[in-house]
Amino acid sequence: MEKAEQANEASEPPSWLLPPIFMIGRNSRGNWVAQEKSGGRGGLFINRTEALKYAKFESGDYPHAVVMVSGVLELDASCAIIQSAKQRRGDIVRHQRRVA
């Protein structure tokens, strides 16, 4: 590996250290939506201010962690359901390992 590549890898933090990226916009009904890019977290809000407050709080108020979407942004809860199921399965496996 070249020195330039090694320096670049050393300067980039691991992905688990990076803050979540949130998108904020309006859905087709005019409601404000804030959703994590991966779909794990999000919600509907009464106004832009509340959506932004939520996204900033969830991202640790990290600069550049919130993206305003100009088009329609629909809340996708299917990703959250899948991630929740995977989390529960992981908890069960960890519990079984401790018991065994």
N, C-alpha and C. Protein backbone atom coordinates (compact mmCIF):
# COMPACT_ATOMS: atom_id res chain seq x y z
N MET A 1 0.85 -1.18 0.00
CA MET A 1 0.00 0.00 0.00
C MET A 1 0.90 1.24 0.00
N GLU A 2 0.53 2.24 -0.79
CA GLU A 2 1.33 3.45 -0.90
C GLU A 2 1.11 4.34 0.33
N LYS A 3 2.08 5.23 0.56
CA LYS A 3 1.99 6.13 1.71
C LYS A 3 0.78 7.04 1.61
N ALA A 4 0.45 7.51 0.42
CA ALA A 4 -0.70 8.40 0.25
C ALA A 4 -2.00 7.69 0.63
N GLU A 5 -2.14 6.42 0.25
CA GLU A 5 -3.33 5.65 0.61
C GLU A 5 -3.40 5.41 2.11
N GLN A 6 -2.26 5.11 2.71
CA GLN A 6 -2.22 4.89 4.15
C GLN A 6 -2.58 6.15 4.90
N ALA A 7 -2.11 7.30 4.45
CA ALA A 7 -2.42 8.57 5.10
C ALA A 7 -3.90 8.88 4.98
N ASN A 8 -4.49 8.59 3.82
CA ASN A 8 -5.92 8.83 3.61
C ASN A 8 -6.76 7.94 4.53
N GLU A 9 -6.40 6.66 4.63
CA GLU A 9 -7.14 5.75 5.50
C GLU A 9 -7.01 6.16 6.96
N ALA A 10 -5.87 6.64 7.36
CA ALA A 10 -5.65 7.05 8.73
C ALA A 10 -6.46 8.30 9.07
N SER A 11 -6.73 9.16 8.09
CA SER A 11 -7.45 10.40 8.35
C SER A 11 -8.95 10.21 8.36
N GLU A 12 -9.47 9.15 7.76
CA GLU A 12 -10.90 8.90 7.73
C GLU A 12 -11.32 8.10 8.95
N PRO A 13 -12.33 8.60 9.68
CA PRO A 13 -12.80 7.83 10.84
C PRO A 13 -13.59 6.61 10.38
N PRO A 14 -13.66 5.59 11.21
CA PRO A 14 -14.47 4.43 10.87
C PRO A 14 -15.92 4.83 10.68
N SER A 15 -16.66 4.09 9.86
CA SER A 15 -18.05 4.46 9.56
C SER A 15 -18.93 4.47 10.79
N TRP A 16 -18.64 3.64 11.80
CA TRP A 16 -19.48 3.63 12.99
C TRP A 16 -19.28 4.88 13.83
N LEU A 17 -18.23 5.66 13.57
CA LEU A 17 -18.03 6.92 14.29
C LEU A 17 -18.72 8.11 13.61
N LEU A 18 -19.11 7.93 12.36
CA LEU A 18 -19.74 9.02 11.63
C LEU A 18 -21.18 9.18 12.10
N PRO A 19 -21.66 10.42 12.15
CA PRO A 19 -23.04 10.65 12.61
C PRO A 19 -24.03 10.19 11.55
N PRO A 20 -25.25 9.87 11.96
CA PRO A 20 -26.26 9.52 10.97
C PRO A 20 -26.63 10.75 10.14
N ILE A 21 -26.97 10.54 8.88
CA ILE A 21 -27.41 11.61 8.00
C ILE A 21 -28.93 11.60 7.96
N PHE A 22 -29.55 12.73 8.23
CA PHE A 22 -31.00 12.84 8.21
C PHE A 22 -31.45 13.69 7.03
N MET A 23 -32.54 13.25 6.42
CA MET A 23 -33.15 14.01 5.34
C MET A 23 -34.44 14.62 5.88
N ILE A 24 -34.69 15.86 5.51
CA ILE A 24 -35.91 16.56 5.93
C ILE A 24 -36.60 17.11 4.70
N GLY A 25 -37.89 16.90 4.64
CA GLY A 25 -38.69 17.41 3.53
C GLY A 25 -40.16 17.20 3.81
N ARG A 26 -40.98 17.45 2.80
CA ARG A 26 -42.43 17.28 2.93
C ARG A 26 -42.88 16.05 2.15
N ASN A 27 -43.85 15.35 2.72
CA ASN A 27 -44.40 14.22 1.99
C ASN A 27 -45.50 14.70 1.05
N SER A 28 -46.16 13.78 0.36
CA SER A 28 -47.17 14.14 -0.64
C SER A 28 -48.40 14.79 -0.03
N ARG A 29 -48.58 14.67 1.27
CA ARG A 29 -49.72 15.29 1.96
C ARG A 29 -49.36 16.62 2.61
N GLY A 30 -48.11 17.02 2.47
CA GLY A 30 -47.67 18.30 3.02
C GLY A 30 -47.12 18.23 4.43
N ASN A 31 -47.04 17.03 5.01
CA ASN A 31 -46.48 16.86 6.35
C ASN A 31 -44.96 16.91 6.29
N TRP A 32 -44.34 17.38 7.35
CA TRP A 32 -42.88 17.41 7.41
C TRP A 32 -42.37 16.06 7.86
N VAL A 33 -41.35 15.58 7.18
CA VAL A 33 -40.75 14.26 7.43
C VAL A 33 -39.27 14.45 7.75
N ALA A 34 -38.80 13.75 8.76
CA ALA A 34 -37.37 13.65 9.04
C ALA A 34 -37.06 12.16 9.09
N GLN A 35 -36.08 11.73 8.30
CA GLN A 35 -35.74 10.32 8.28
C GLN A 35 -34.25 10.13 8.09
N GLU A 36 -33.70 9.21 8.88
CA GLU A 36 -32.30 8.85 8.73
C GLU A 36 -32.11 8.24 7.35
N LYS A 37 -30.98 8.51 6.73
CA LYS A 37 -30.72 8.02 5.38
C LYS A 37 -30.86 6.51 5.27
N SER A 38 -30.44 5.79 6.28
CA SER A 38 -30.54 4.33 6.27
C SER A 38 -31.95 3.85 6.55
N GLY A 39 -32.83 4.75 6.98
CA GLY A 39 -34.21 4.38 7.24
C GLY A 39 -34.49 3.86 8.64
N GLY A 40 -33.49 3.85 9.48
CA GLY A 40 -33.65 3.30 10.83
C GLY A 40 -34.48 4.13 11.77
N ARG A 41 -34.44 5.44 11.62
CA ARG A 41 -35.18 6.34 12.51
C ARG A 41 -35.83 7.43 11.69
N GLY A 42 -36.91 7.95 12.22
CA GLY A 42 -37.57 9.06 11.53
C GLY A 42 -38.97 9.27 12.06
N GLY A 43 -39.66 10.26 11.51
CA GLY A 43 -41.02 10.53 11.95
C GLY A 43 -41.66 11.65 11.16
N LEU A 44 -42.95 11.87 11.46
CA LEU A 44 -43.72 12.97 10.89
C LEU A 44 -43.79 14.09 11.91
N PHE A 45 -43.73 15.33 11.45
CA PHE A 45 -43.69 16.47 12.35
C PHE A 45 -44.67 17.55 11.89
N ILE A 46 -45.09 18.38 12.85
CA ILE A 46 -46.09 19.40 12.54
C ILE A 46 -45.50 20.58 11.77
N ASN A 47 -44.19 20.77 11.88
CA ASN A 47 -43.57 21.86 11.12
C ASN A 47 -42.09 21.56 10.90
N ARG A 48 -41.48 22.39 10.08
CA ARG A 48 -40.07 22.22 9.73
C ARG A 48 -39.16 22.33 10.95
N THR A 49 -39.50 23.26 11.84
CA THR A 49 -38.68 23.49 13.03
C THR A 49 -38.59 22.24 13.89
N GLU A 50 -39.71 21.56 14.10
CA GLU A 50 -39.71 20.34 14.92
C GLU A 50 -38.96 19.21 14.23
N ALA A 51 -39.10 19.10 12.92
CA ALA A 51 -38.37 18.07 12.18
C ALA A 51 -36.86 18.32 12.28
N LEU A 52 -36.47 19.56 12.14
CA LEU A 52 -35.06 19.92 12.23
C LEU A 52 -34.52 19.70 13.64
N LYS A 53 -35.31 20.04 14.64
CA LYS A 53 -34.90 19.84 16.04
C LYS A 53 -34.65 18.35 16.30
N TYR A 54 -35.56 17.50 15.81
CA TYR A 54 -35.41 16.06 15.97
C TYR A 54 -34.14 15.55 15.29
N ALA A 55 -33.95 15.95 14.03
CA ALA A 55 -32.80 15.48 13.26
C ALA A 55 -31.49 15.93 13.90
N LYS A 56 -31.45 17.16 14.36
CA LYS A 56 -30.22 17.66 14.99
C LYS A 56 -29.94 16.93 16.30
N PHE A 57 -30.98 16.65 17.06
CA PHE A 57 -30.80 15.93 18.32
C PHE A 57 -30.30 14.51 18.05
N GLU A 58 -30.94 13.81 17.12
CA GLU A 58 -30.58 12.42 16.82
C GLU A 58 -29.19 12.29 16.21
N SER A 59 -28.73 13.34 15.53
CA SER A 59 -27.40 13.28 14.91
C SER A 59 -26.32 13.88 15.81
N GLY A 60 -26.70 14.27 17.01
CA GLY A 60 -25.73 14.87 17.92
C GLY A 60 -25.36 16.28 17.51
N ASP A 61 -26.26 16.94 16.76
CA ASP A 61 -26.05 18.30 16.27
C ASP A 61 -24.73 18.42 15.50
N TYR A 62 -24.39 17.35 14.81
CA TYR A 62 -23.16 17.31 14.02
C TYR A 62 -23.33 18.14 12.75
N PRO A 63 -22.36 18.99 12.43
CA PRO A 63 -22.47 19.80 11.20
C PRO A 63 -22.61 18.92 9.96
N HIS A 64 -23.43 19.34 9.05
CA HIS A 64 -23.64 18.66 7.76
C HIS A 64 -24.35 17.32 7.89
N ALA A 65 -25.01 17.06 9.00
CA ALA A 65 -25.70 15.79 9.19
C ALA A 65 -27.17 15.86 8.77
N VAL A 66 -27.64 17.05 8.38
CA VAL A 66 -29.03 17.23 7.98
C VAL A 66 -29.07 17.74 6.55
N VAL A 67 -29.88 17.08 5.72
CA VAL A 67 -30.01 17.44 4.31
C VAL A 67 -31.47 17.80 4.05
N MET A 68 -31.70 18.98 3.48
CA MET A 68 -33.05 19.38 3.11
C MET A 68 -33.36 18.83 1.71
N VAL A 69 -34.49 18.16 1.57
CA VAL A 69 -34.91 17.56 0.31
C VAL A 69 -35.92 18.48 -0.36
N SER A 70 -35.68 18.84 -1.61
CA SER A 70 -36.59 19.75 -2.30
C SER A 70 -37.81 19.05 -2.87
N GLY A 71 -37.69 17.78 -3.20
CA GLY A 71 -38.82 17.02 -3.74
C GLY A 71 -39.65 16.40 -2.63
N VAL A 72 -40.47 15.44 -3.01
CA VAL A 72 -41.32 14.73 -2.05
C VAL A 72 -40.49 13.71 -1.29
N LEU A 73 -40.66 13.68 0.02
CA LEU A 73 -39.96 12.73 0.88
C LEU A 73 -41.00 11.96 1.69
N GLU A 74 -41.18 10.71 1.37
CA GLU A 74 -42.15 9.88 2.08
C GLU A 74 -41.45 9.12 3.19
N LEU A 75 -42.08 9.05 4.34
CA LEU A 75 -41.55 8.30 5.47
C LEU A 75 -41.62 6.81 5.15
N ASP A 76 -40.50 6.12 5.25
CA ASP A 76 -40.43 4.69 4.95
C ASP A 76 -40.19 3.95 6.26
N ALA A 77 -41.25 3.40 6.82
CA ALA A 77 -41.13 2.70 8.10
C ALA A 77 -40.71 1.25 7.91
N SER A 78 -40.69 0.74 6.69
CA SER A 78 -40.35 -0.66 6.47
C SER A 78 -38.91 -0.96 6.89
N CYS A 79 -37.99 -0.03 6.67
CA CYS A 79 -36.59 -0.24 7.08
C CYS A 79 -36.49 -0.32 8.59
N ALA A 80 -37.23 0.53 9.29
CA ALA A 80 -37.20 0.53 10.76
C ALA A 80 -37.73 -0.78 11.31
N ILE A 81 -38.77 -1.32 10.67
CA ILE A 81 -39.35 -2.59 11.13
C ILE A 81 -38.35 -3.72 10.93
N ILE A 82 -37.68 -3.74 9.80
CA ILE A 82 -36.69 -4.78 9.51
C ILE A 82 -35.53 -4.68 10.49
N GLN A 83 -35.04 -3.45 10.73
CA GLN A 83 -33.92 -3.28 11.66
C GLN A 83 -34.31 -3.66 13.07
N SER A 84 -35.56 -3.35 13.46
CA SER A 84 -36.03 -3.70 14.78
C SER A 84 -36.08 -5.22 14.94
N ALA A 85 -36.54 -5.92 13.92
CA ALA A 85 -36.60 -7.39 13.97
C ALA A 85 -35.20 -7.97 14.06
N LYS A 86 -34.26 -7.43 13.30
CA LYS A 86 -32.87 -7.91 13.37
C LYS A 86 -32.29 -7.67 14.76
N GLN A 87 -32.60 -6.51 15.34
CA GLN A 87 -32.10 -6.19 16.68
C GLN A 87 -32.66 -7.20 17.70
N ARG A 88 -33.96 -7.49 17.61
CA ARG A 88 -34.56 -8.45 18.54
C ARG A 88 -33.93 -9.83 18.38
N ARG A 89 -33.69 -10.26 17.12
CA ARG A 89 -33.05 -11.55 16.90
C ARG A 89 -31.65 -11.56 17.50
N GLY A 90 -30.91 -10.48 17.34
CA GLY A 90 -29.57 -10.38 17.90
C GLY A 90 -29.59 -10.45 19.41
N ASP A 91 -30.60 -9.79 20.03
CA ASP A 91 -30.73 -9.83 21.48
C ASP A 91 -31.02 -11.24 21.96
N ILE A 92 -31.86 -11.98 21.22
CA ILE A 92 -32.20 -13.35 21.59
C ILE A 92 -30.96 -14.24 21.50
N VAL A 93 -30.18 -14.10 20.42
CA VAL A 93 -28.97 -14.90 20.26
C VAL A 93 -27.98 -14.59 21.37
N ARG A 94 -27.79 -13.31 21.70
CA ARG A 94 -26.86 -12.96 22.78
C ARG A 94 -27.33 -13.54 24.11
N HIS A 95 -28.66 -13.49 24.36
CA HIS A 95 -29.21 -14.03 25.59
C HIS A 95 -28.99 -15.54 25.65
N GLN A 96 -29.21 -16.24 24.54
CA GLN A 96 -29.02 -17.69 24.50
C GLN A 96 -27.57 -18.04 24.74
N ARG A 97 -26.65 -17.25 24.24
CA ARG A 97 -25.22 -17.55 24.45
C ARG A 97 -24.85 -17.40 25.91
N ARG A 98 -25.45 -16.40 26.58
CA ARG A 98 -25.13 -16.20 28.00
C ARG A 98 -25.69 -17.34 28.84
N VAL A 99 -26.87 -17.82 28.47
CA VAL A 99 -27.52 -18.88 29.24
C VAL A 99 -26.80 -20.20 29.06
N ALA A 100 -26.36 -20.48 27.85
CA ALA A 100 -25.74 -21.77 27.55
C ALA A 100 -24.42 -21.97 28.23
